[in-house]
mmCIF file of all heavy atoms, coordinates in Angstrom:
data_MODEL
# 
_entry.id   MODEL 
# 
loop_
_atom_site.group_PDB 
_atom_site.id 
_atom_site.type_symbol 
_atom_site.label_atom_id 
_atom_site.label_alt_id 
_atom_site.label_comp_id 
_atom_site.label_asym_id 
_atom_site.label_entity_id 
_atom_site.label_seq_id 
_atom_site.pdbx_PDB_ins_code 
_atom_site.Cartn_x 
_atom_site.Cartn_y 
_atom_site.Cartn_z 
_atom_site.occupancy 
_atom_site.B_iso_or_equiv 
_atom_site.pdbx_formal_charge 
_atom_site.auth_seq_id 
_atom_site.auth_comp_id 
_atom_site.auth_asym_id 
_atom_site.auth_atom_id 
_atom_site.pdbx_PDB_model_num 
ATOM 1   N N   . VAL A 1 1  ? 0.862   -1.177 0.002   1.00 0.00 ? 1  VAL A N   1 
ATOM 2   C CA  . VAL A 1 1  ? 0.000   0.000  -0.001  1.00 0.00 ? 1  VAL A CA  1 
ATOM 3   C C   . VAL A 1 1  ? 0.906   1.234  0.001   1.00 0.00 ? 1  VAL A C   1 
ATOM 4   O O   . VAL A 1 1  ? 1.720   1.413  0.898   1.00 0.00 ? 1  VAL A O   1 
ATOM 5   C CB  . VAL A 1 1  ? -0.926  0.003  1.235   1.00 0.00 ? 1  VAL A CB  1 
ATOM 6   C CG1 . VAL A 1 1  ? -1.710  1.308  1.297   1.00 0.00 ? 1  VAL A CG1 1 
ATOM 7   C CG2 . VAL A 1 1  ? -1.872  -1.191 1.180   1.00 0.00 ? 1  VAL A CG2 1 
ATOM 8   N N   . MET A 1 2  ? 0.778   2.074  -1.024  1.00 0.00 ? 2  MET A N   1 
ATOM 9   C CA  . MET A 1 2  ? 1.656   3.230  -1.168  1.00 0.00 ? 2  MET A CA  1 
ATOM 10  C C   . MET A 1 2  ? 1.185   4.417  -0.332  1.00 0.00 ? 2  MET A C   1 
ATOM 11  O O   . MET A 1 2  ? 1.946   5.017  0.401   1.00 0.00 ? 2  MET A O   1 
ATOM 12  C CB  . MET A 1 2  ? 1.738   3.655  -2.636  1.00 0.00 ? 2  MET A CB  1 
ATOM 13  C CG  . MET A 1 2  ? 2.421   2.639  -3.535  1.00 0.00 ? 2  MET A CG  1 
ATOM 14  S SD  . MET A 1 2  ? 4.119   2.295  -3.052  1.00 0.00 ? 2  MET A SD  1 
ATOM 15  C CE  . MET A 1 2  ? 4.911   3.847  -3.416  1.00 0.00 ? 2  MET A CE  1 
ATOM 16  N N   . ASP A 1 3  ? -0.081  4.772  -0.474  1.00 0.00 ? 3  ASP A N   1 
ATOM 17  C CA  . ASP A 1 3  ? -0.586  5.940  0.236   1.00 0.00 ? 3  ASP A CA  1 
ATOM 18  C C   . ASP A 1 3  ? -1.927  5.591  0.865   1.00 0.00 ? 3  ASP A C   1 
ATOM 19  O O   . ASP A 1 3  ? -2.638  4.704  0.392   1.00 0.00 ? 3  ASP A O   1 
ATOM 20  C CB  . ASP A 1 3  ? -0.745  7.121  -0.738  1.00 0.00 ? 3  ASP A CB  1 
ATOM 21  C CG  . ASP A 1 3  ? -0.771  8.471  -0.023  1.00 0.00 ? 3  ASP A CG  1 
ATOM 22  O OD1 . ASP A 1 3  ? -0.663  8.480  1.215   1.00 0.00 ? 3  ASP A OD1 1 
ATOM 23  O OD2 . ASP A 1 3  ? -0.900  9.496  -0.710  1.00 0.00 ? 3  ASP A OD2 1 
ATOM 24  N N   . ILE A 1 4  ? -2.262  6.303  1.928   1.00 0.00 ? 4  ILE A N   1 
ATOM 25  C CA  . ILE A 1 4  ? -3.515  6.047  2.642   1.00 0.00 ? 4  ILE A CA  1 
ATOM 26  C C   . ILE A 1 4  ? -4.039  7.381  3.137   1.00 0.00 ? 4  ILE A C   1 
ATOM 27  O O   . ILE A 1 4  ? -3.256  8.272  3.496   1.00 0.00 ? 4  ILE A O   1 
ATOM 28  C CB  . ILE A 1 4  ? -3.280  5.055  3.804   1.00 0.00 ? 4  ILE A CB  1 
ATOM 29  C CG1 . ILE A 1 4  ? -4.590  4.735  4.532   1.00 0.00 ? 4  ILE A CG1 1 
ATOM 30  C CG2 . ILE A 1 4  ? -2.239  5.561  4.792   1.00 0.00 ? 4  ILE A CG2 1 
ATOM 31  C CD1 . ILE A 1 4  ? -4.455  3.601  5.539   1.00 0.00 ? 4  ILE A CD1 1 
ATOM 32  N N   . LEU A 1 5  ? -5.352  7.561  3.107   1.00 0.00 ? 5  LEU A N   1 
ATOM 33  C CA  . LEU A 1 5  ? -5.944  8.790  3.631   1.00 0.00 ? 5  LEU A CA  1 
ATOM 34  C C   . LEU A 1 5  ? -7.344  8.488  4.141   1.00 0.00 ? 5  LEU A C   1 
ATOM 35  O O   . LEU A 1 5  ? -7.923  7.458  3.831   1.00 0.00 ? 5  LEU A O   1 
ATOM 36  C CB  . LEU A 1 5  ? -5.980  9.887  2.560   1.00 0.00 ? 5  LEU A CB  1 
ATOM 37  C CG  . LEU A 1 5  ? -6.694  9.628  1.241   1.00 0.00 ? 5  LEU A CG  1 
ATOM 38  C CD1 . LEU A 1 5  ? -8.188  9.886  1.361   1.00 0.00 ? 5  LEU A CD1 1 
ATOM 39  C CD2 . LEU A 1 5  ? -6.128  10.522 0.154   1.00 0.00 ? 5  LEU A CD2 1 
ATOM 40  N N   . VAL A 1 6  ? -7.866  9.413  4.944   1.00 0.00 ? 6  VAL A N   1 
ATOM 41  C CA  . VAL A 1 6  ? -9.259  9.343  5.384   1.00 0.00 ? 6  VAL A CA  1 
ATOM 42  C C   . VAL A 1 6  ? -10.047 10.382 4.604   1.00 0.00 ? 6  VAL A C   1 
ATOM 43  O O   . VAL A 1 6  ? -9.726  11.572 4.624   1.00 0.00 ? 6  VAL A O   1 
ATOM 44  C CB  . VAL A 1 6  ? -9.392  9.575  6.898   1.00 0.00 ? 6  VAL A CB  1 
ATOM 45  C CG1 . VAL A 1 6  ? -10.863 9.703  7.282   1.00 0.00 ? 6  VAL A CG1 1 
ATOM 46  C CG2 . VAL A 1 6  ? -8.762  8.430  7.671   1.00 0.00 ? 6  VAL A CG2 1 
ATOM 47  N N   . PHE A 1 7  ? -11.066 9.906  3.889   1.00 0.00 ? 7  PHE A N   1 
ATOM 48  C CA  . PHE A 1 7  ? -11.952 10.770 3.105   1.00 0.00 ? 7  PHE A CA  1 
ATOM 49  C C   . PHE A 1 7  ? -13.080 11.213 4.036   1.00 0.00 ? 7  PHE A C   1 
ATOM 50  O O   . PHE A 1 7  ? -13.968 10.438 4.358   1.00 0.00 ? 7  PHE A O   1 
ATOM 51  C CB  . PHE A 1 7  ? -12.501 9.961  1.921   1.00 0.00 ? 7  PHE A CB  1 
ATOM 52  C CG  . PHE A 1 7  ? -13.316 10.751 0.939   1.00 0.00 ? 7  PHE A CG  1 
ATOM 53  C CD1 . PHE A 1 7  ? -12.773 11.119 -0.275  1.00 0.00 ? 7  PHE A CD1 1 
ATOM 54  C CD2 . PHE A 1 7  ? -14.635 11.096 1.207   1.00 0.00 ? 7  PHE A CD2 1 
ATOM 55  C CE1 . PHE A 1 7  ? -13.526 11.830 -1.203  1.00 0.00 ? 7  PHE A CE1 1 
ATOM 56  C CE2 . PHE A 1 7  ? -15.390 11.811 0.296   1.00 0.00 ? 7  PHE A CE2 1 
ATOM 57  C CZ  . PHE A 1 7  ? -14.839 12.181 -0.915  1.00 0.00 ? 7  PHE A CZ  1 
ATOM 58  N N   . HIS A 1 8  ? -13.023 12.457 4.504   1.00 0.00 ? 8  HIS A N   1 
ATOM 59  C CA  . HIS A 1 8  ? -14.058 12.972 5.399   1.00 0.00 ? 8  HIS A CA  1 
ATOM 60  C C   . HIS A 1 8  ? -14.048 14.493 5.348   1.00 0.00 ? 8  HIS A C   1 
ATOM 61  O O   . HIS A 1 8  ? -12.988 15.109 5.221   1.00 0.00 ? 8  HIS A O   1 
ATOM 62  C CB  . HIS A 1 8  ? -13.813 12.497 6.848   1.00 0.00 ? 8  HIS A CB  1 
ATOM 63  C CG  . HIS A 1 8  ? -14.936 12.873 7.771   1.00 0.00 ? 8  HIS A CG  1 
ATOM 64  N ND1 . HIS A 1 8  ? -14.882 13.970 8.587   1.00 0.00 ? 8  HIS A ND1 1 
ATOM 65  C CD2 . HIS A 1 8  ? -16.147 12.303 7.986   1.00 0.00 ? 8  HIS A CD2 1 
ATOM 66  C CE1 . HIS A 1 8  ? -16.017 14.061 9.290   1.00 0.00 ? 8  HIS A CE1 1 
ATOM 67  N NE2 . HIS A 1 8  ? -16.796 13.057 8.937   1.00 0.00 ? 8  HIS A NE2 1 
ATOM 68  N N   . SER A 1 9  ? -15.234 15.097 5.477   1.00 0.00 ? 9  SER A N   1 
ATOM 69  C CA  . SER A 1 9  ? -15.341 16.551 5.310   1.00 0.00 ? 9  SER A CA  1 
ATOM 70  C C   . SER A 1 9  ? -14.534 17.310 6.367   1.00 0.00 ? 9  SER A C   1 
ATOM 71  O O   . SER A 1 9  ? -14.046 18.409 6.100   1.00 0.00 ? 9  SER A O   1 
ATOM 72  C CB  . SER A 1 9  ? -16.806 16.977 5.371   1.00 0.00 ? 9  SER A CB  1 
ATOM 73  O OG  . SER A 1 9  ? -17.394 16.535 6.570   1.00 0.00 ? 9  SER A OG  1 
ATOM 74  N N   . SER A 1 10 ? -14.357 16.728 7.579   1.00 0.00 ? 10 SER A N   1 
ATOM 75  C CA  . SER A 1 10 ? -13.630 17.447 8.627   1.00 0.00 ? 10 SER A CA  1 
ATOM 76  C C   . SER A 1 10 ? -12.158 17.626 8.274   1.00 0.00 ? 10 SER A C   1 
ATOM 77  O O   . SER A 1 10 ? -11.485 18.479 8.849   1.00 0.00 ? 10 SER A O   1 
ATOM 78  C CB  . SER A 1 10 ? -13.743 16.702 9.962   1.00 0.00 ? 10 SER A CB  1 
ATOM 79  O OG  . SER A 1 10 ? -13.002 15.492 9.923   1.00 0.00 ? 10 SER A OG  1 
ATOM 80  N N   . ARG A 1 11 ? -11.640 16.833 7.337   1.00 0.00 ? 11 ARG A N   1 
ATOM 81  C CA  . ARG A 1 11 ? -10.243 16.996 6.921   1.00 0.00 ? 11 ARG A CA  1 
ATOM 82  C C   . ARG A 1 11 ? -10.088 18.178 5.971   1.00 0.00 ? 11 ARG A C   1 
ATOM 83  O O   . ARG A 1 11 ? -8.971  18.542 5.622   1.00 0.00 ? 11 ARG A O   1 
ATOM 84  C CB  . ARG A 1 11 ? -9.736  15.724 6.220   1.00 0.00 ? 11 ARG A CB  1 
ATOM 85  C CG  . ARG A 1 11 ? -9.660  14.490 7.077   1.00 0.00 ? 11 ARG A CG  1 
ATOM 86  C CD  . ARG A 1 11 ? -8.460  14.447 8.000   1.00 0.00 ? 11 ARG A CD  1 
ATOM 87  N NE  . ARG A 1 11 ? -7.184  14.601 7.319   1.00 0.00 ? 11 ARG A NE  1 
ATOM 88  C CZ  . ARG A 1 11 ? -6.078  15.023 7.924   1.00 0.00 ? 11 ARG A CZ  1 
ATOM 89  N NH1 . ARG A 1 11 ? -6.099  15.346 9.204   1.00 0.00 ? 11 ARG A NH1 1 
ATOM 90  N NH2 . ARG A 1 11 ? -4.951  15.135 7.262   1.00 0.00 ? 11 ARG A NH2 1 
ATOM 91  N N   . GLN A 1 12 ? -11.214 18.771 5.515   1.00 0.00 ? 12 GLN A N   1 
ATOM 92  C CA  . GLN A 1 12 ? -11.111 19.882 4.563   1.00 0.00 ? 12 GLN A CA  1 
ATOM 93  C C   . GLN A 1 12 ? -12.016 21.035 4.980   1.00 0.00 ? 12 GLN A C   1 
ATOM 94  O O   . GLN A 1 12 ? -12.861 21.507 4.222   1.00 0.00 ? 12 GLN A O   1 
ATOM 95  C CB  . GLN A 1 12 ? -11.422 19.384 3.141   1.00 0.00 ? 12 GLN A CB  1 
ATOM 96  C CG  . GLN A 1 12 ? -10.398 18.362 2.663   1.00 0.00 ? 12 GLN A CG  1 
ATOM 97  C CD  . GLN A 1 12 ? -10.448 18.059 1.185   1.00 0.00 ? 12 GLN A CD  1 
ATOM 98  O OE1 . GLN A 1 12 ? -11.453 18.262 0.515   1.00 0.00 ? 12 GLN A OE1 1 
ATOM 99  N NE2 . GLN A 1 12 ? -9.345  17.544 0.654   1.00 0.00 ? 12 GLN A NE2 1 
ATOM 100 N N   . ASP A 1 13 ? -11.824 21.472 6.219   1.00 0.00 ? 13 ASP A N   1 
ATOM 101 C CA  . ASP A 1 13 ? -12.560 22.619 6.764   1.00 0.00 ? 13 ASP A CA  1 
ATOM 102 C C   . ASP A 1 13 ? -11.802 23.911 6.508   1.00 0.00 ? 13 ASP A C   1 
ATOM 103 O O   . ASP A 1 13 ? -10.738 23.912 5.912   1.00 0.00 ? 13 ASP A O   1 
ATOM 104 C CB  . ASP A 1 13 ? -12.697 22.446 8.299   1.00 0.00 ? 13 ASP A CB  1 
ATOM 105 C CG  . ASP A 1 13 ? -13.976 21.703 8.643   1.00 0.00 ? 13 ASP A CG  1 
ATOM 106 O OD1 . ASP A 1 13 ? -14.813 21.544 7.742   1.00 0.00 ? 13 ASP A OD1 1 
ATOM 107 O OD2 . ASP A 1 13 ? -14.129 21.284 9.795   1.00 0.00 ? 13 ASP A OD2 1 
ATOM 108 N N   . GLY A 1 14 ? -12.334 24.997 7.065   1.00 0.00 ? 14 GLY A N   1 
ATOM 109 C CA  . GLY A 1 14 ? -11.588 26.251 7.127   1.00 0.00 ? 14 GLY A CA  1 
ATOM 110 C C   . GLY A 1 14 ? -11.899 27.217 5.997   1.00 0.00 ? 14 GLY A C   1 
ATOM 111 O O   . GLY A 1 14 ? -12.668 26.919 5.086   1.00 0.00 ? 14 GLY A O   1 
ATOM 112 N N   . LEU A 1 15 ? -11.263 28.380 6.059   1.00 0.00 ? 15 LEU A N   1 
ATOM 113 C CA  . LEU A 1 15 ? -11.460 29.440 5.067   1.00 0.00 ? 15 LEU A CA  1 
ATOM 114 C C   . LEU A 1 15 ? -10.140 30.158 4.820   1.00 0.00 ? 15 LEU A C   1 
ATOM 115 O O   . LEU A 1 15 ? -9.299  30.253 5.704   1.00 0.00 ? 15 LEU A O   1 
ATOM 116 C CB  . LEU A 1 15 ? -12.471 30.478 5.577   1.00 0.00 ? 15 LEU A CB  1 
ATOM 117 C CG  . LEU A 1 15 ? -13.960 30.142 5.472   1.00 0.00 ? 15 LEU A CG  1 
ATOM 118 C CD1 . LEU A 1 15 ? -14.769 31.204 6.185   1.00 0.00 ? 15 LEU A CD1 1 
ATOM 119 C CD2 . LEU A 1 15 ? -14.398 30.006 4.030   1.00 0.00 ? 15 LEU A CD2 1 
ATOM 120 N N   . ASN A 1 16 ? -9.969  30.666 3.607   1.00 0.00 ? 16 ASN A N   1 
ATOM 121 C CA  . ASN A 1 16 ? -8.899  31.632 3.324   1.00 0.00 ? 16 ASN A CA  1 
ATOM 122 C C   . ASN A 1 16 ? -9.360  32.548 2.196   1.00 0.00 ? 16 ASN A C   1 
ATOM 123 O O   . ASN A 1 16 ? -10.493 32.415 1.707   1.00 0.00 ? 16 ASN A O   1 
ATOM 124 C CB  . ASN A 1 16 ? -7.553  30.937 3.035   1.00 0.00 ? 16 ASN A CB  1 
ATOM 125 C CG  . ASN A 1 16 ? -7.527  30.187 1.698   1.00 0.00 ? 16 ASN A CG  1 
ATOM 126 O OD1 . ASN A 1 16 ? -8.361  30.422 0.817   1.00 0.00 ? 16 ASN A OD1 1 
ATOM 127 N ND2 . ASN A 1 16 ? -6.572  29.289 1.552   1.00 0.00 ? 16 ASN A ND2 1 
ATOM 128 N N   . ASP A 1 17 ? -8.498  33.452 1.777   1.00 0.00 ? 17 ASP A N   1 
ATOM 129 C CA  . ASP A 1 17 ? -8.918  34.476 0.807   1.00 0.00 ? 17 ASP A CA  1 
ATOM 130 C C   . ASP A 1 17 ? -9.112  33.915 -0.596  1.00 0.00 ? 17 ASP A C   1 
ATOM 131 O O   . ASP A 1 17 ? -9.605  34.628 -1.475  1.00 0.00 ? 17 ASP A O   1 
ATOM 132 C CB  . ASP A 1 17 ? -7.875  35.609 0.758   1.00 0.00 ? 17 ASP A CB  1 
ATOM 133 C CG  . ASP A 1 17 ? -7.818  36.389 2.067   1.00 0.00 ? 17 ASP A CG  1 
ATOM 134 O OD1 . ASP A 1 17 ? -8.839  36.397 2.769   1.00 0.00 ? 17 ASP A OD1 1 
ATOM 135 O OD2 . ASP A 1 17 ? -6.754  36.960 2.380   1.00 0.00 ? 17 ASP A OD2 1 
ATOM 136 N N   . CYS A 1 18 ? -8.702  32.677 -0.850  1.00 0.00 ? 18 CYS A N   1 
ATOM 137 C CA  . CYS A 1 18 ? -8.846  32.111 -2.194  1.00 0.00 ? 18 CYS A CA  1 
ATOM 138 C C   . CYS A 1 18 ? -10.220 31.468 -2.412  1.00 0.00 ? 18 CYS A C   1 
ATOM 139 O O   . CYS A 1 18 ? -10.578 31.133 -3.538  1.00 0.00 ? 18 CYS A O   1 
ATOM 140 C CB  . CYS A 1 18 ? -7.763  31.059 -2.452  1.00 0.00 ? 18 CYS A CB  1 
ATOM 141 S SG  . CYS A 1 18 ? -6.106  31.762 -2.610  1.00 0.00 ? 18 CYS A SG  1 
ATOM 142 N N   . VAL A 1 19 ? -10.978 31.280 -1.330  1.00 0.00 ? 19 VAL A N   1 
ATOM 143 C CA  . VAL A 1 19 ? -12.262 30.566 -1.450  1.00 0.00 ? 19 VAL A CA  1 
ATOM 144 C C   . VAL A 1 19 ? -13.254 31.380 -2.285  1.00 0.00 ? 19 VAL A C   1 
ATOM 145 O O   . VAL A 1 19 ? -13.965 30.827 -3.124  1.00 0.00 ? 19 VAL A O   1 
ATOM 146 C CB  . VAL A 1 19 ? -12.832 30.267 -0.037  1.00 0.00 ? 19 VAL A CB  1 
ATOM 147 C CG1 . VAL A 1 19 ? -14.248 29.726 -0.135  1.00 0.00 ? 19 VAL A CG1 1 
ATOM 148 C CG2 . VAL A 1 19 ? -11.936 29.291 0.694   1.00 0.00 ? 19 VAL A CG2 1 
ATOM 149 N N   . GLN A 1 20 ? -13.303 32.703 -2.073  1.00 0.00 ? 20 GLN A N   1 
ATOM 150 C CA  . GLN A 1 20 ? -14.242 33.553 -2.817  1.00 0.00 ? 20 GLN A CA  1 
ATOM 151 C C   . GLN A 1 20 ? -13.664 33.942 -4.171  1.00 0.00 ? 20 GLN A C   1 
ATOM 152 O O   . GLN A 1 20 ? -12.641 34.621 -4.243  1.00 0.00 ? 20 GLN A O   1 
ATOM 153 C CB  . GLN A 1 20 ? -14.532 34.837 -2.011  1.00 0.00 ? 20 GLN A CB  1 
ATOM 154 C CG  . GLN A 1 20 ? -15.351 34.611 -0.753  1.00 0.00 ? 20 GLN A CG  1 
ATOM 155 C CD  . GLN A 1 20 ? -16.790 34.224 -1.050  1.00 0.00 ? 20 GLN A CD  1 
ATOM 156 O OE1 . GLN A 1 20 ? -17.330 34.549 -2.107  1.00 0.00 ? 20 GLN A OE1 1 
ATOM 157 N NE2 . GLN A 1 20 ? -17.413 33.508 -0.125  1.00 0.00 ? 20 GLN A NE2 1 
ATOM 158 N N   . ASN A 1 21 ? -14.312 33.479 -5.243  1.00 0.00 ? 21 ASN A N   1 
ATOM 159 C CA  . ASN A 1 21 ? -13.943 33.920 -6.607  1.00 0.00 ? 21 ASN A CA  1 
ATOM 160 C C   . ASN A 1 21 ? -12.478 33.754 -6.934  1.00 0.00 ? 21 ASN A C   1 
ATOM 161 O O   . ASN A 1 21 ? -11.894 34.575 -7.646  1.00 0.00 ? 21 ASN A O   1 
ATOM 162 C CB  . ASN A 1 21 ? -14.322 35.390 -6.824  1.00 0.00 ? 21 ASN A CB  1 
ATOM 163 C CG  . ASN A 1 21 ? -15.818 35.566 -6.939  1.00 0.00 ? 21 ASN A CG  1 
ATOM 164 O OD1 . ASN A 1 21 ? -16.515 34.648 -7.358  1.00 0.00 ? 21 ASN A OD1 1 
ATOM 165 N ND2 . ASN A 1 21 ? -16.308 36.715 -6.539  1.00 0.00 ? 21 ASN A ND2 1 
ATOM 166 N N   . ASN A 1 22 ? -11.843 32.707 -6.364  1.00 0.00 ? 22 ASN A N   1 
ATOM 167 C CA  . ASN A 1 22 ? -10.433 32.446 -6.668  1.00 0.00 ? 22 ASN A CA  1 
ATOM 168 C C   . ASN A 1 22 ? -9.562  33.661 -6.343  1.00 0.00 ? 22 ASN A C   1 
ATOM 169 O O   . ASN A 1 22 ? -8.545  33.919 -6.987  1.00 0.00 ? 22 ASN A O   1 
ATOM 170 C CB  . ASN A 1 22 ? -10.268 32.042 -8.148  1.00 0.00 ? 22 ASN A CB  1 
ATOM 171 C CG  . ASN A 1 22 ? -8.923  31.387 -8.434  1.00 0.00 ? 22 ASN A CG  1 
ATOM 172 O OD1 . ASN A 1 22 ? -8.451  30.568 -7.651  1.00 0.00 ? 22 ASN A OD1 1 
ATOM 173 N ND2 . ASN A 1 22 ? -8.299  31.749 -9.548  1.00 0.00 ? 22 ASN A ND2 1 
ATOM 174 N N   . GLY A 1 23 ? -9.975  34.460 -5.306  1.00 0.00 ? 23 GLY A N   1 
ATOM 175 C CA  . GLY A 1 23 ? -9.224  35.671 -4.949  1.00 0.00 ? 23 GLY A CA  1 
ATOM 176 C C   . GLY A 1 23 ? -9.193  36.699 -6.069  1.00 0.00 ? 23 GLY A C   1 
ATOM 177 O O   . GLY A 1 23 ? -8.323  37.573 -6.087  1.00 0.00 ? 23 GLY A O   1 
ATOM 178 N N   . HIS A 1 24 ? -10.134 36.564 -7.030  1.00 0.00 ? 24 HIS A N   1 
ATOM 179 C CA  . HIS A 1 24 ? -10.179 37.406 -8.247  1.00 0.00 ? 24 HIS A CA  1 
ATOM 180 C C   . HIS A 1 24 ? -8.907  37.271 -9.079  1.00 0.00 ? 24 HIS A C   1 
ATOM 181 O O   . HIS A 1 24 ? -8.560  38.191 -9.847  1.00 0.00 ? 24 HIS A O   1 
ATOM 182 C CB  . HIS A 1 24 ? -10.439 38.877 -7.890  1.00 0.00 ? 24 HIS A CB  1 
ATOM 183 C CG  . HIS A 1 24 ? -11.749 39.091 -7.177  1.00 0.00 ? 24 HIS A CG  1 
ATOM 184 N ND1 . HIS A 1 24 ? -12.970 39.071 -7.823  1.00 0.00 ? 24 HIS A ND1 1 
ATOM 185 C CD2 . HIS A 1 24 ? -12.024 39.283 -5.861  1.00 0.00 ? 24 HIS A CD2 1 
ATOM 186 C CE1 . HIS A 1 24 ? -13.937 39.249 -6.935  1.00 0.00 ? 24 HIS A CE1 1 
ATOM 187 N NE2 . HIS A 1 24 ? -13.394 39.385 -5.739  1.00 0.00 ? 24 HIS A NE2 1 
ATOM 188 N N   . CYS A 1 25 ? -8.183  36.162 -8.906  1.00 0.00 ? 25 CYS A N   1 
ATOM 189 C CA  . CYS A 1 25 ? -6.981  35.929 -9.712  1.00 0.00 ? 25 CYS A CA  1 
ATOM 190 C C   . CYS A 1 25 ? -7.381  35.315 -11.052 1.00 0.00 ? 25 CYS A C   1 
ATOM 191 O O   . CYS A 1 25 ? -8.267  34.457 -11.113 1.00 0.00 ? 25 CYS A O   1 
ATOM 192 C CB  . CYS A 1 25 ? -6.028  34.961 -8.990  1.00 0.00 ? 25 CYS A CB  1 
ATOM 193 S SG  . CYS A 1 25 ? -5.393  35.570 -7.425  1.00 0.00 ? 25 CYS A SG  1 
ATOM 194 N N   . GLY A 1 26 ? -6.681  35.729 -12.100 1.00 0.00 ? 26 GLY A N   1 
ATOM 195 C CA  . GLY A 1 26 ? -6.970  35.181 -13.423 1.00 0.00 ? 26 GLY A CA  1 
ATOM 196 C C   . GLY A 1 26 ? -6.610  33.709 -13.551 1.00 0.00 ? 26 GLY A C   1 
ATOM 197 O O   . GLY A 1 26 ? -7.341  32.929 -14.152 1.00 0.00 ? 26 GLY A O   1 
ATOM 198 N N   . HIS A 1 27 ? -5.458  33.303 -12.996 1.00 0.00 ? 27 HIS A N   1 
ATOM 199 C CA  . HIS A 1 27 ? -5.013  31.909 -13.095 1.00 0.00 ? 27 HIS A CA  1 
ATOM 200 C C   . HIS A 1 27 ? -5.070  31.214 -11.745 1.00 0.00 ? 27 HIS A C   1 
ATOM 201 O O   . HIS A 1 27 ? -6.033  30.521 -11.441 1.00 0.00 ? 27 HIS A O   1 
ATOM 202 C CB  . HIS A 1 27 ? -3.595  31.839 -13.672 1.00 0.00 ? 27 HIS A CB  1 
ATOM 203 C CG  . HIS A 1 27 ? -3.525  32.106 -15.145 1.00 0.00 ? 27 HIS A CG  1 
ATOM 204 N ND1 . HIS A 1 27 ? -2.373  31.955 -15.883 1.00 0.00 ? 27 HIS A ND1 1 
ATOM 205 C CD2 . HIS A 1 27 ? -4.465  32.534 -16.025 1.00 0.00 ? 27 HIS A CD2 1 
ATOM 206 C CE1 . HIS A 1 27 ? -2.602  32.255 -17.153 1.00 0.00 ? 27 HIS A CE1 1 
ATOM 207 N NE2 . HIS A 1 27 ? -3.863  32.619 -17.259 1.00 0.00 ? 27 HIS A NE2 1 
ATOM 208 N N   . LEU A 1 28 ? -4.035  31.407 -10.916 1.00 0.00 ? 28 LEU A N   1 
ATOM 209 C CA  . LEU A 1 28 ? -3.898  30.662 -9.667  1.00 0.00 ? 28 LEU A CA  1 
ATOM 210 C C   . LEU A 1 28 ? -4.009  31.591 -8.466  1.00 0.00 ? 28 LEU A C   1 
ATOM 211 O O   . LEU A 1 28 ? -3.422  32.675 -8.470  1.00 0.00 ? 28 LEU A O   1 
ATOM 212 C CB  . LEU A 1 28 ? -2.535  29.959 -9.604  1.00 0.00 ? 28 LEU A CB  1 
ATOM 213 C CG  . LEU A 1 28 ? -2.227  28.938 -10.697 1.00 0.00 ? 28 LEU A CG  1 
ATOM 214 C CD1 . LEU A 1 28 ? -0.720  28.688 -10.769 1.00 0.00 ? 28 LEU A CD1 1 
ATOM 215 C CD2 . LEU A 1 28 ? -2.960  27.634 -10.444 1.00 0.00 ? 28 LEU A CD2 1 
# 
């Protein structure tokens, strides 16, 4: 087994400035 993870919403919580409209960035 090479990699292992837990698929659950609590592993992907939180907020930052990129969540809204990709920070208004054209690319990344």
